[in-house]
PDB file of N, CA and C in Angstrom:
ATOM      1  N   UNK A   1     124.670  88.402 143.056  1.00  0.00           N
ATOM      2  CA  UNK A   1     123.272  88.059 142.948  1.00  0.00           C
ATOM      3  C   UNK A   1     122.513  89.171 142.248  1.00  0.00           C
ATOM      4  N   UNK A   2     122.813  90.427 142.577  1.00  0.00           N
ATOM      5  CA  UNK A   2     122.117  91.545 141.944  1.00  0.00           C
ATOM      6  C   UNK A   2     122.385  91.579 140.442  1.00  0.00           C
ATOM      7  N   UNK A   3     123.647  91.359 140.057  1.00  0.00           N
ATOM      8  CA  UNK A   3     123.964  91.391 138.637  1.00  0.00           C
ATOM      9  C   UNK A   3     123.372  90.182 137.920  1.00  0.00           C
ATOM     10  N   UNK A   4     123.339  89.031 138.575  1.00  0.00           N
ATOM     11  CA  UNK A   4     122.694  87.837 138.014  1.00  0.00           C
ATOM     12  C   UNK A   4     121.208  88.119 137.753  1.00  0.00           C
ATOM     13  N   UNK A   5     120.529  88.762 138.690  1.00  0.00           N
ATOM     14  CA  UNK A   5     119.111  89.088 138.511  1.00  0.00           C
ATOM     15  C   UNK A   5     118.925  90.079 137.371  1.00  0.00           C
ATOM     16  N   UNK A   6     119.857  91.011 137.218  1.00  0.00           N
ATOM     17  CA  UNK A   6     119.850  91.928 136.076  1.00  0.00           C
ATOM     18  C   UNK A   6     119.956  91.138 134.771  1.00  0.00           C
ATOM     19  N   UNK A   7     120.862  90.165 134.734  1.00  0.00           N
ATOM     20  CA  UNK A   7     121.039  89.363 133.520  1.00  0.00           C
ATOM     21  C   UNK A   7     119.783  88.568 133.187  1.00  0.00           C
ATOM     22  N   UNK A   8     119.141  88.003 134.202  1.00  0.00           N
ATOM     23  CA  UNK A   8     117.912  87.229 133.982  1.00  0.00           C
ATOM     24  C   UNK A   8     116.849  88.110 133.332  1.00  0.00           C
ATOM     25  N   UNK A   9     116.739  89.342 133.789  1.00  0.00           N
ATOM     26  CA  UNK A   9     115.750  90.263 133.224  1.00  0.00           C
ATOM     27  C   UNK A   9     116.086  90.681 131.797  1.00  0.00           C
ATOM     28  N   UNK A  10     117.324  90.481 131.379  1.00  0.00           N
ATOM     29  CA  UNK A  10     117.695  90.805 130.005  1.00  0.00           C
ATOM     30  C   UNK A  10     117.061  89.838 129.005  1.00  0.00           C
ATOM     31  N   UNK A  11     116.612  88.682 129.468  1.00  0.00           N
ATOM     32  CA  UNK A  11     115.972  87.705 128.580  1.00  0.00           C
ATOM     33  C   UNK A  11     114.641  88.250 128.052  1.00  0.00           C
ATOM     34  N   UNK A  12     113.699  88.645 128.916  1.00  0.00           N
ATOM     35  CA  UNK A  12     112.450  89.190 128.373  1.00  0.00           C
ATOM     36  C   UNK A  12     112.635  90.552 127.689  1.00  0.00           C
ATOM     37  N   UNK A  13     113.737  91.241 128.001  1.00  0.00           N
ATOM     38  CA  UNK A  13     114.030  92.510 127.319  1.00  0.00           C
ATOM     39  C   UNK A  13     114.661  92.255 125.949  1.00  0.00           C
ATOM     40  N   UNK A  14     114.901  90.997 125.634  1.00  0.00           N
ATOM     41  CA  UNK A  14     115.459  90.549 124.354  1.00  0.00           C
ATOM     42  C   UNK A  14     116.889  91.045 124.127  1.00  0.00           C
ATOM     43  N   UNK A  15     117.623  91.249 125.214  1.00  0.00           N
ATOM     44  CA  UNK A  15     119.025  91.651 125.123  1.00  0.00           C
ATOM     45  C   UNK A  15     119.981  90.476 125.286  1.00  0.00           C
ATOM     46  N   UNK A  16     119.455  89.347 125.774  1.00  0.00           N
ATOM     47  CA  UNK A  16     120.238  88.117 125.885  1.00  0.00           C
ATOM     48  C   UNK A  16     119.428  87.001 125.249  1.00  0.00           C
ATOM     49  N   UNK A  17     120.050  86.303 124.307  1.00  0.00           N
ATOM     50  CA  UNK A  17     119.431  85.130 123.700  1.00  0.00           C
ATOM     51  C   UNK A  17     120.020  83.894 124.352  1.00  0.00           C
ATOM     52  N   UNK A  18     119.150  83.013 124.771  1.00  0.00           N
ATOM     53  CA  UNK A  18     119.604  81.760 125.373  1.00  0.00           C
ATOM     54  C   UNK A  18     119.602  80.662 124.327  1.00  0.00           C
ATOM     55  N   UNK A  19     120.544  79.727 124.433  1.00  0.00           N
ATOM     56  CA  UNK A  19     120.523  78.594 123.501  1.00  0.00           C
ATOM     57  C   UNK A  19     119.300  77.733 123.786  1.00  0.00           C
ATOM     58  N   UNK A  20     118.737  77.181 122.757  1.00  0.00           N
ATOM     59  CA  UNK A  20     117.572  76.318 122.930  1.00  0.00           C
ATOM     60  C   UNK A  20     117.976  75.078 123.731  1.00  0.00           C
ATOM     61  N   UNK A  21     117.201  74.796 124.755  1.00  0.00           N
ATOM     62  CA  UNK A  21     117.471  73.624 125.596  1.00  0.00           C
ATOM     63  C   UNK A  21     117.050  72.360 124.862  1.00  0.00           C
ATOM     64  N   UNK A  22     117.718  71.262 125.171  1.00  0.00           N
ATOM     65  CA  UNK A  22     117.296  70.010 124.545  1.00  0.00           C
ATOM     66  C   UNK A  22     115.931  69.592 125.101  1.00  0.00           C
ATOM     67  N   UNK A  23     115.312  68.627 124.467  1.00  0.00           N
ATOM     68  CA  UNK A  23     113.944  68.224 124.798  1.00  0.00           C
ATOM     69  C   UNK A  23     113.767  67.895 126.276  1.00  0.00           C
ATOM     70  N   UNK A  24     114.686  67.127 126.849  1.00  0.00           N
ATOM     71  CA  UNK A  24     114.528  66.686 128.233  1.00  0.00           C
ATOM     72  C   UNK A  24     114.686  67.837 129.225  1.00  0.00           C
ATOM     73  N   UNK A  25     115.639  68.725 128.961  1.00  0.00           N
ATOM     74  CA  UNK A  25     115.829  69.882 129.842  1.00  0.00           C
ATOM     75  C   UNK A  25     114.618  70.805 129.745  1.00  0.00           C
ATOM     76  N   UNK A  26     114.106  71.000 128.524  1.00  0.00           N
ATOM     77  CA  UNK A  26     112.931  71.847 128.349  1.00  0.00           C
ATOM     78  C   UNK A  26     111.715  71.223 129.049  1.00  0.00           C
ATOM     79  N   UNK A  27     111.601  69.918 129.008  1.00  0.00           N
ATOM     80  CA  UNK A  27     110.511  69.230 129.698  1.00  0.00           C
ATOM     81  C   UNK A  27     110.583  69.492 131.200  1.00  0.00           C
ATOM     82  N   UNK A  28     111.789  69.478 131.757  1.00  0.00           N
ATOM     83  CA  UNK A  28     111.981  69.790 133.174  1.00  0.00           C
ATOM     84  C   UNK A  28     111.569  71.240 133.444  1.00  0.00           C
ATOM     85  N   UNK A  29     111.993  72.158 132.566  1.00  0.00           N
ATOM     86  CA  UNK A  29     111.645  73.573 132.726  1.00  0.00           C
ATOM     87  C   UNK A  29     110.146  73.824 132.666  1.00  0.00           C
ATOM     88  N   UNK A  30     109.481  73.222 131.701  1.00  0.00           N
ATOM     89  CA  UNK A  30     108.030  73.395 131.562  1.00  0.00           C
ATOM     90  C   UNK A  30     107.318  72.804 132.774  1.00  0.00           C
ATOM     91  N   UNK A  31     107.786  71.654 133.235  1.00  0.00           N
ATOM     92  CA  UNK A  31     107.196  71.026 134.427  1.00  0.00           C
ATOM     93  C   UNK A  31     107.419  71.908 135.657  1.00  0.00           C
ATOM     94  N   UNK A  32     108.613  72.465 135.804  1.00  0.00           N
ATOM     95  CA  UNK A  32     108.909  73.345 136.946  1.00  0.00           C
ATOM     96  C   UNK A  32     108.012  74.579 136.914  1.00  0.00           C
ATOM     97  N   UNK A  33     107.809  75.153 135.719  1.00  0.00           N
ATOM     98  CA  UNK A  33     106.938  76.326 135.586  1.00  0.00           C
ATOM     99  C   UNK A  33     105.518  75.981 136.034  1.00  0.00           C
ATOM    100  N   UNK A  34     105.006  74.849 135.575  1.00  0.00           N
ATOM    101  CA  UNK A  34     103.646  74.442 135.952  1.00  0.00           C
ATOM    102  C   UNK A  34     103.546  74.154 137.447  1.00  0.00           C
ATOM    103  N   UNK A  35     104.586  73.531 137.994  1.00  0.00           N
ATOM    104  CA  UNK A  35     104.604  73.220 139.429  1.00  0.00           C
ATOM    105  C   UNK A  35     104.602  74.505 140.264  1.00  0.00           C
ATOM    106  N   UNK A  36     105.387  75.499 139.829  1.00  0.00           N
ATOM    107  CA  UNK A  36     105.427  76.770 140.571  1.00  0.00           C
ATOM    108  C   UNK A  36     104.059  77.450 140.540  1.00  0.00           C
ATOM    109  N   UNK A  37     103.377  77.391 139.403  1.00  0.00           N
ATOM    110  CA  UNK A  37     102.032  77.977 139.317  1.00  0.00           C
ATOM    111  C   UNK A  37     101.049  77.197 140.190  1.00  0.00           C
ATOM    112  N   UNK A  38     101.097  75.881 140.078  1.00  0.00           N
ATOM    113  CA  UNK A  38     100.132  75.031 140.775  1.00  0.00           C
ATOM    114  C   UNK A  38     100.266  75.116 142.292  1.00  0.00           C
ATOM    115  N   UNK A  39     101.497  75.031 142.785  1.00  0.00           N
ATOM    116  CA  UNK A  39     101.719  74.997 144.230  1.00  0.00           C
ATOM    117  C   UNK A  39     102.203  76.335 144.798  1.00  0.00           C
ATOM    118  N   UNK A  40     102.377  77.339 143.945  1.00  0.00           N
ATOM    119  CA  UNK A  40     102.871  78.658 144.331  1.00  0.00           C
ATOM    120  C   UNK A  40     104.161  78.546 145.144  1.00  0.00           C
ATOM    121  N   UNK A  41     105.004  77.600 144.736  1.00  0.00           N
ATOM    122  CA  UNK A  41     106.279  77.448 145.430  1.00  0.00           C
ATOM    123  C   UNK A  41     107.360  78.221 144.679  1.00  0.00           C
ATOM    124  N   UNK A  42     108.558  78.188 145.186  1.00  0.00           N
ATOM    125  CA  UNK A  42     109.644  78.965 144.613  1.00  0.00           C
ATOM    126  C   UNK A  42     110.417  78.210 143.558  1.00  0.00           C
ATOM    127  N   UNK A  43     111.508  78.825 143.156  1.00  0.00           N
ATOM    128  CA  UNK A  43     112.416  78.212 142.189  1.00  0.00           C
ATOM    129  C   UNK A  43     112.988  76.942 142.824  1.00  0.00           C
ATOM    130  N   UNK A  44     112.921  75.812 142.129  1.00  0.00           N
ATOM    131  CA  UNK A  44     113.477  74.580 142.706  1.00  0.00           C
ATOM    132  C   UNK A  44     114.980  74.721 142.975  1.00  0.00           C
ATOM    133  N   UNK A  45     115.415  74.167 144.103  1.00  0.00           N
ATOM    134  CA  UNK A  45     116.841  74.192 144.429  1.00  0.00           C
ATOM    135  C   UNK A  45     117.612  73.410 143.372  1.00  0.00           C
ATOM    136  N   UNK A  46     118.810  73.871 143.079  1.00  0.00           N
ATOM    137  CA  UNK A  46     119.703  73.239 142.108  1.00  0.00           C
ATOM    138  C   UNK A  46     119.148  73.224 140.689  1.00  0.00           C
ATOM    139  N   UNK A  47     118.229  74.140 140.387  1.00  0.00           N
ATOM    140  CA  UNK A  47     117.738  74.247 139.020  1.00  0.00           C
ATOM    141  C   UNK A  47     118.900  74.742 138.162  1.00  0.00           C
ATOM    142  N   UNK A  48     119.088  74.144 136.989  1.00  0.00           N
ATOM    143  CA  UNK A  48     120.238  74.542 136.168  1.00  0.00           C
ATOM    144  C   UNK A  48     120.143  75.998 135.724  1.00  0.00           C
ATOM    145  N   UNK A  49     121.309  76.631 135.561  1.00  0.00           N
ATOM    146  CA  UNK A  49     121.409  78.007 135.102  1.00  0.00           C
ATOM    147  C   UNK A  49     122.201  78.021 133.804  1.00  0.00           C
ATOM    148  N   UNK A  50     121.705  78.744 132.817  1.00  0.00           N
ATOM    149  CA  UNK A  50     122.443  78.882 131.571  1.00  0.00           C
ATOM    150  C   UNK A  50     123.794  79.542 131.854  1.00  0.00           C
ATOM    151  N   UNK A  51     124.835  79.077 131.197  1.00  0.00           N
ATOM    152  CA  UNK A  51     126.199  79.536 131.441  1.00  0.00           C
ATOM    153  C   UNK A  51     126.328  81.057 131.352  1.00  0.00           C
ATOM    154  N   UNK A  52     125.677  81.680 130.377  1.00  0.00           N
ATOM    155  CA  UNK A  52     125.843  83.127 130.198  1.00  0.00           C
ATOM    156  C   UNK A  52     125.135  83.946 131.274  1.00  0.00           C
ATOM    157  N   UNK A  53     124.411  83.287 132.187  1.00  0.00           N
ATOM    158  CA  UNK A  53     123.724  83.979 133.273  1.00  0.00           C
ATOM    159  C   UNK A  53     124.434  83.805 134.614  1.00  0.00           C
ATOM    160  N   UNK A  54     125.522  83.064 134.602  1.00  0.00           N
ATOM    161  CA  UNK A  54     126.288  82.829 135.824  1.00  0.00           C
ATOM    162  C   UNK A  54     127.272  83.980 136.012  1.00  0.00           C
ATOM    163  N   UNK A  55     127.262  84.556 137.190  1.00  0.00           N
ATOM    164  CA  UNK A  55     128.185  85.650 137.521  1.00  0.00           C
ATOM    165  C   UNK A  55     129.220  85.078 138.477  1.00  0.00           C
ATOM    166  N   UNK A  56     130.432  84.920 137.982  1.00  0.00           N
ATOM    167  CA  UNK A  56     131.502  84.352 138.809  1.00  0.00           C
ATOM    168  C   UNK A  56     132.674  85.324 138.901  1.00  0.00           C
ATOM    169  N   UNK A  57     132.330  86.599 139.024  1.00  0.00           N
ATOM    170  CA  UNK A  57     133.337  87.634 139.159  1.00  0.00           C
ATOM    171  C   UNK A  57     132.845  88.664 140.163  1.00  0.00           C
ATOM    172  N   UNK A  58     133.769  89.440 140.688  1.00  0.00           N
ATOM    173  CA  UNK A  58     133.428  90.470 141.675  1.00  0.00           C
ATOM    174  C   UNK A  58     132.626  91.592 141.018  1.00  0.00           C
ATOM    175  N   UNK A  59     131.602  92.043 141.706  1.00  0.00           N
ATOM    176  CA  UNK A  59     130.780  93.152 141.229  1.00  0.00           C
ATOM    177  C   UNK A  59     130.769  94.252 142.280  1.00  0.00           C
ATOM    178  N   UNK A  60     130.692  95.468 141.826  1.00  0.00           N
ATOM    179  CA  UNK A  60     130.519  96.598 142.722  1.00  0.00           C
ATOM    180  C   UNK A  60     129.051  96.600 143.168  1.00  0.00           C
ATOM    181  N   UNK A  61     128.816  96.476 144.464  1.00  0.00           N
ATOM    182  CA  UNK A  61     127.455  96.346 144.979  1.00  0.00           C
ATOM    183  C   UNK A  61     126.565  97.514 144.548  1.00  0.00           C
ATOM    184  N   UNK A  62     127.024  98.734 144.744  1.00  0.00           N
ATOM    185  CA  UNK A  62     126.197  99.903 144.440  1.00  0.00           C
ATOM    186  C   UNK A  62     125.883  99.994 142.949  1.00  0.00           C
ATOM    187  N   UNK A  63     126.847  99.712 142.117  1.00  0.00           N
ATOM    188  CA  UNK A  63     126.617  99.730 140.671  1.00  0.00           C
ATOM    189  C   UNK A  63     125.631  98.628 140.272  1.00  0.00           C
ATOM    190  N   UNK A  64     125.791  97.431 140.834  1.00  0.00           N
ATOM    191  CA  UNK A  64     124.884  96.329 140.526  1.00  0.00           C
ATOM    192  C   UNK A  64     123.469  96.638 141.006  1.00  0.00           C
ATOM    193  N   UNK A  65     123.351  97.282 142.155  1.00  0.00           N
ATOM    194  CA  UNK A  65     122.031  97.659 142.679  1.00  0.00           C
ATOM    195  C   UNK A  65     121.350  98.651 141.738  1.00  0.00           C
ATOM    196  N   UNK A  66     122.077  99.687 141.334  1.00  0.00           N
ATOM    197  CA  UNK A  66     121.514 100.694 140.432  1.00  0.00           C
ATOM    198  C   UNK A  66     121.151 100.083 139.081  1.00  0.00           C
ATOM    199  N   UNK A  67     122.001  99.211 138.593  1.00  0.00           N
ATOM    200  CA  UNK A  67     121.745  98.547 137.311  1.00  0.00           C
ATOM    201  C   UNK A  67     120.476  97.706 137.384  1.00  0.00           C
ATOM    202  N   UNK A  68     120.326  96.937 138.469  1.00  0.00           N
ATOM    203  CA  UNK A  68     119.135  96.105 138.627  1.00  0.00           C
ATOM    204  C   UNK A  68     117.880  96.963 138.732  1.00  0.00           C
ATOM    205  N   UNK A  69     117.931  98.035 139.482  1.00  0.00           N
ATOM    206  CA  UNK A  69     116.755  98.909 139.608  1.00  0.00           C
ATOM    207  C   UNK A  69     116.364  99.498 138.255  1.00  0.00           C
ATOM    208  N   UNK A  70     117.337  99.909 137.449  1.00  0.00           N
ATOM    209  CA  UNK A  70     117.033 100.434 136.117  1.00  0.00           C
ATOM    210  C   UNK A  70     116.468  99.336 135.217  1.00  0.00           C
ATOM    211  N   UNK A  71     117.027  98.144 135.324  1.00  0.00           N
ATOM    212  CA  UNK A  71     116.546  97.021 134.517  1.00  0.00           C
ATOM    213  C   UNK A  71     115.115  96.660 134.895  1.00  0.00           C
ATOM    214  N   UNK A  72     114.781  96.736 136.177  1.00  0.00           N
ATOM    215  CA  UNK A  72     113.395  96.493 136.598  1.00  0.00           C
ATOM    216  C   UNK A  72     112.452  97.531 135.985  1.00  0.00           C
ATOM    217  N   UNK A  73     112.886  98.777 135.907  1.00  0.00           N
ATOM    218  CA  UNK A  73     112.067  99.820 135.257  1.00  0.00           C
ATOM    219  C   UNK A  73     111.904  99.517 133.770  1.00  0.00           C
ATOM    220  N   UNK A  74     112.986  99.104 133.126  1.00  0.00           N
ATOM    221  CA  UNK A  74     112.925  98.747 131.703  1.00  0.00           C
ATOM    222  C   UNK A  74     111.983  97.572 131.485  1.00  0.00           C
ATOM    223  N   UNK A  75     112.065  96.573 132.363  1.00  0.00           N
ATOM    224  CA  UNK A  75     111.188  95.403 132.274  1.00  0.00           C
ATOM    225  C   UNK A  75     109.731  95.821 132.416  1.00  0.00           C
ATOM    226  N   UNK A  76     109.443  96.693 133.382  1.00  0.00           N
ATOM    227  CA  UNK A  76     108.074  97.146 133.599  1.00  0.00           C
ATOM    228  C   UNK A  76     107.527  97.853 132.360  1.00  0.00           C
ATOM    229  N   UNK A  77     108.359  98.646 131.708  1.00  0.00           N
ATOM    230  CA  UNK A  77     107.924  99.329 130.494  1.00  0.00           C
ATOM    231  C   UNK A  77     107.593  98.332 129.379  1.00  0.00           C
ATOM    232  N   UNK A  78     108.456  97.341 129.181  1.00  0.00           N
ATOM    233  CA  UNK A  78     108.215  96.309 128.175  1.00  0.00           C
ATOM    234  C   UNK A  78     106.954  95.518 128.532  1.00  0.00           C
ATOM    235  N   UNK A  79     106.799  95.184 129.798  1.00  0.00           N
ATOM    236  CA  UNK A  79     105.619  94.453 130.282  1.00  0.00           C
ATOM    237  C   UNK A  79     104.352  95.264 130.012  1.00  0.00           C
ATOM    238  N   UNK A  80     104.358  96.536 130.379  1.00  0.00           N
ATOM    239  CA  UNK A  80     103.175  97.383 130.200  1.00  0.00           C
ATOM    240  C   UNK A  80     102.838  97.621 128.737  1.00  0.00           C
ATOM    241  N   UNK A  81     103.829  97.531 127.861  1.00  0.00           N
ATOM    242  CA  UNK A  81     103.604  97.727 126.428  1.00  0.00           C
ATOM    243  C   UNK A  81     103.360  96.418 125.674  1.00  0.00           C
ATOM    244  N   UNK A  82     103.154  95.331 126.421  1.00  0.00           N
ATOM    245  CA  UNK A  82     102.868  94.022 125.829  1.00  0.00           C
ATOM    246  C   UNK A  82     103.919  93.604 124.802  1.00  0.00           C
ATOM    247  N   UNK A  83     105.187  93.780 125.149  1.00  0.00           N
ATOM    248  CA  UNK A  83     106.274  93.465 124.230  1.00  0.00           C
ATOM    249  C   UNK A  83     107.148  92.312 124.715  1.00  0.00           C
ATOM    250  N   UNK A  84     106.622  91.493 125.599  1.00  0.00           N
ATOM    251  CA  UNK A  84     107.396  90.366 126.121  1.00  0.00           C
ATOM    252  C   UNK A  84     107.449  89.235 125.098  1.00  0.00           C
ATOM    253  N   UNK A  85     108.522  88.467 125.087  1.00  0.00           N
ATOM    254  CA  UNK A  85     108.632  87.329 124.149  1.00  0.00           C
ATOM    255  C   UNK A  85     107.552  86.283 124.407  1.00  0.00           C
ATOM    256  N   UNK A  86     107.237  85.551 123.382  1.00  0.00           N
ATOM    257  CA  UNK A  86     106.216  84.500 123.501  1.00  0.00           C
ATOM    258  C   UNK A  86     106.792  83.168 123.948  1.00  0.00           C
ATOM    259  N   UNK A  87     108.119  83.053 123.943  1.00  0.00           N
ATOM    260  CA  UNK A  87     108.762  81.788 124.311  1.00  0.00           C
ATOM    261  C   UNK A  87     109.995  82.037 125.165  1.00  0.00           C
ATOM    262  N   UNK A  88     110.343  81.030 125.936  1.00  0.00           N
ATOM    263  CA  UNK A  88     111.562  81.026 126.749  1.00  0.00           C
ATOM    264  C   UNK A  88     112.297  79.733 126.421  1.00  0.00           C
ATOM    265  N   UNK A  89     113.613  79.802 126.349  1.00  0.00           N
ATOM    266  CA  UNK A  89     114.424  78.639 125.971  1.00  0.00           C
ATOM    267  C   UNK A  89     114.252  77.451 126.915  1.00  0.00           C
ATOM    268  N   UNK A  90     113.934  77.709 128.180  1.00  0.00           N
ATOM    269  CA  UNK A  90     113.776  76.637 129.160  1.00  0.00           C
ATOM    270  C   UNK A  90     112.307  76.370 129.495  1.00  0.00           C
ATOM    271  N   UNK A  91     111.511  77.419 129.626  1.00  0.00           N
ATOM    272  CA  UNK A  91     110.131  77.280 130.101  1.00  0.00           C
ATOM    273  C   UNK A  91     109.099  77.172 128.985  1.00  0.00           C
ATOM    274  N   UNK A  92     109.518  77.256 127.739  1.00  0.00           N
ATOM    275  CA  UNK A  92     108.598  77.085 126.622  1.00  0.00           C
ATOM    276  C   UNK A  92     107.696  78.290 126.390  1.00  0.00           C
ATOM    277  N   UNK A  93     106.474  78.017 125.962  1.00  0.00           N
ATOM    278  CA  UNK A  93     105.508  79.073 125.648  1.00  0.00           C
ATOM    279  C   UNK A  93     105.244  79.910 126.893  1.00  0.00           C
ATOM    280  N   UNK A  94     105.266  81.229 126.713  1.00  0.00           N
ATOM    281  CA  UNK A  94     105.111  82.145 127.845  1.00  0.00           C
ATOM    282  C   UNK A  94     104.047  83.189 127.541  1.00  0.00           C
ATOM    283  N   UNK A  95     103.223  83.453 128.542  1.00  0.00           N
ATOM    284  CA  UNK A  95     102.270  84.560 128.496  1.00  0.00           C
ATOM    285  C   UNK A  95     102.808  85.663 129.404  1.00  0.00           C
ATOM    286  N   UNK A  96     102.219  86.843 129.331  1.00  0.00           N
ATOM    287  CA  UNK A  96     102.674  87.949 130.185  1.00  0.00           C
ATOM    288  C   UNK A  96     102.657  87.561 131.652  1.00  0.00           C
ATOM    289  N   UNK A  97     101.585  86.890 132.067  1.00  0.00           N
ATOM    290  CA  UNK A  97     101.497  86.520 133.484  1.00  0.00           C
ATOM    291  C   UNK A  97     102.590  85.513 133.868  1.00  0.00           C
ATOM    292  N   UNK A  98     103.021  84.672 132.924  1.00  0.00           N
ATOM    293  CA  UNK A  98     104.116  83.735 133.195  1.00  0.00           C
ATOM    294  C   UNK A  98     105.415  84.496 133.433  1.00  0.00           C
ATOM    295  N   UNK A  99     105.703  85.490 132.568  1.00  0.00           N
ATOM    296  CA  UNK A  99     106.920  86.276 132.736  1.00  0.00           C
ATOM    297  C   UNK A  99     106.921  86.982 134.090  1.00  0.00           C
ATOM    298  N   UNK A 100     105.822  87.641 134.412  1.00  0.00           N
ATOM    299  CA  UNK A 100     105.750  88.366 135.676  1.00  0.00           C
ATOM    300  C   UNK A 100     105.916  87.448 136.872  1.00  0.00           C
ATOM    301  N   UNK A 101     105.221  86.322 136.840  1.00  0.00           N
ATOM    302  CA  UNK A 101     105.277  85.357 137.935  1.00  0.00           C
ATOM    303  C   UNK A 101     106.687  84.788 138.100  1.00  0.00           C
ATOM    304  N   UNK A 102     107.294  84.359 136.992  1.00  0.00           N
ATOM    305  CA  UNK A 102     108.611  83.737 137.084  1.00  0.00           C
ATOM    306  C   UNK A 102     109.697  84.746 137.436  1.00  0.00           C
ATOM    307  N   UNK A 103     109.590  85.969 136.929  1.00  0.00           N
ATOM    308  CA  UNK A 103     110.575  86.991 137.307  1.00  0.00           C
ATOM    309  C   UNK A 103     110.448  87.316 138.794  1.00  0.00           C
ATOM    310  N   UNK A 104     109.216  87.404 139.282  1.00  0.00           N
ATOM    311  CA  UNK A 104     109.005  87.636 140.719  1.00  0.00           C
ATOM    312  C   UNK A 104     109.597  86.491 141.528  1.00  0.00           C
ATOM    313  N   UNK A 105     109.293  85.252 141.142  1.00  0.00           N
ATOM    314  CA  UNK A 105     109.772  84.086 141.885  1.00  0.00           C
ATOM    315  C   UNK A 105     111.302  84.020 141.892  1.00  0.00           C
ATOM    316  N   UNK A 106     111.915  84.382 140.770  1.00  0.00           N
ATOM    317  CA  UNK A 106     113.371  84.342 140.695  1.00  0.00           C
ATOM    318  C   UNK A 106     113.998  85.384 141.618  1.00  0.00           C
ATOM    319  N   UNK A 107     113.497  86.601 141.547  1.00  0.00           N
ATOM    320  CA  UNK A 107     114.038  87.659 142.401  1.00  0.00           C
ATOM    321  C   UNK A 107     113.789  87.338 143.872  1.00  0.00           C
ATOM    322  N   UNK A 108     112.604  86.858 144.191  1.00  0.00           N
ATOM    323  CA  UNK A 108     112.274  86.478 145.568  1.00  0.00           C
ATOM    324  C   UNK A 108     113.196  85.362 146.060  1.00  0.00           C
ATOM    325  N   UNK A 109     113.488  84.412 145.198  1.00  0.00           N
ATOM    326  CA  UNK A 109     114.376  83.296 145.532  1.00  0.00           C
ATOM    327  C   UNK A 109     115.742  83.819 145.994  1.00  0.00           C
ATOM    328  N   UNK A 110     116.294  84.770 145.252  1.00  0.00           N
ATOM    329  CA  UNK A 110     117.617  85.282 145.605  1.00  0.00           C
ATOM    330  C   UNK A 110     117.580  86.247 146.788  1.00  0.00           C
ATOM    331  N   UNK A 111     116.524  87.005 146.932  1.00  0.00           N
ATOM    332  CA  UNK A 111     116.421  87.879 148.101  1.00  0.00           C
ATOM    333  C   UNK A 111     116.316  87.055 149.391  1.00  0.00           C
ATOM    334  N   UNK A 112     115.545  85.978 149.340  1.00  0.00           N
ATOM    335  CA  UNK A 112     115.450  85.087 150.508  1.00  0.00           C
ATOM    336  C   UNK A 112     116.772  84.395 150.775  1.00  0.00           C
ATOM    337  N   UNK A 113     117.510  84.085 149.705  1.00  0.00           N
ATOM    338  CA  UNK A 113     118.806  83.441 149.839  1.00  0.00           C
ATOM    339  C   UNK A 113     119.743  84.275 150.716  1.00  0.00           C
ATOM    340  N   UNK A 114     119.600  85.605 150.637  1.00  0.00           N
ATOM    341  CA  UNK A 114     120.446  86.507 151.405  1.00  0.00           C
ATOM    342  C   UNK A 114     119.689  87.177 152.543  1.00  0.00           C
ATOM    343  N   UNK A 115     118.554  86.601 152.929  1.00  0.00           N
ATOM    344  CA  UNK A 115     117.734  87.110 154.038  1.00  0.00           C
ATOM    345  C   UNK A 115     117.369  88.581 153.894  1.00  0.00           C
ATOM    346  N   UNK A 116     117.021  88.976 152.680  1.00  0.00           N
ATOM    347  CA  UNK A 116     116.637  90.369 152.432  1.00  0.00           C
ATOM    348  C   UNK A 116     115.124  90.439 152.368  1.00  0.00           C
TER     349      UNK A 116
END
């Protein structure tokens, strides 16, 4: 989970490019983004994950923790310097507040998943 969250943060850092989603999947993503803003709810259960963001191998916990903490610092620097991408392959047009909100919701989703 820690390494998966690190990978997710690589998207706004422009280190991972996601394939463009087809129209219907993007429509679901844009709707989910609006729903999360409107109702302040979390990431919908069973929301699809891009293949390159799936971690299906063993990770060293301490290394993954340190990597995620460094990636969060890198993200904060990019955020503070207004260098976030204007679009997301699934969620469409993105503003800084969208990136911050969705990154928070994603990390919160996984922390709650493990009762942290």
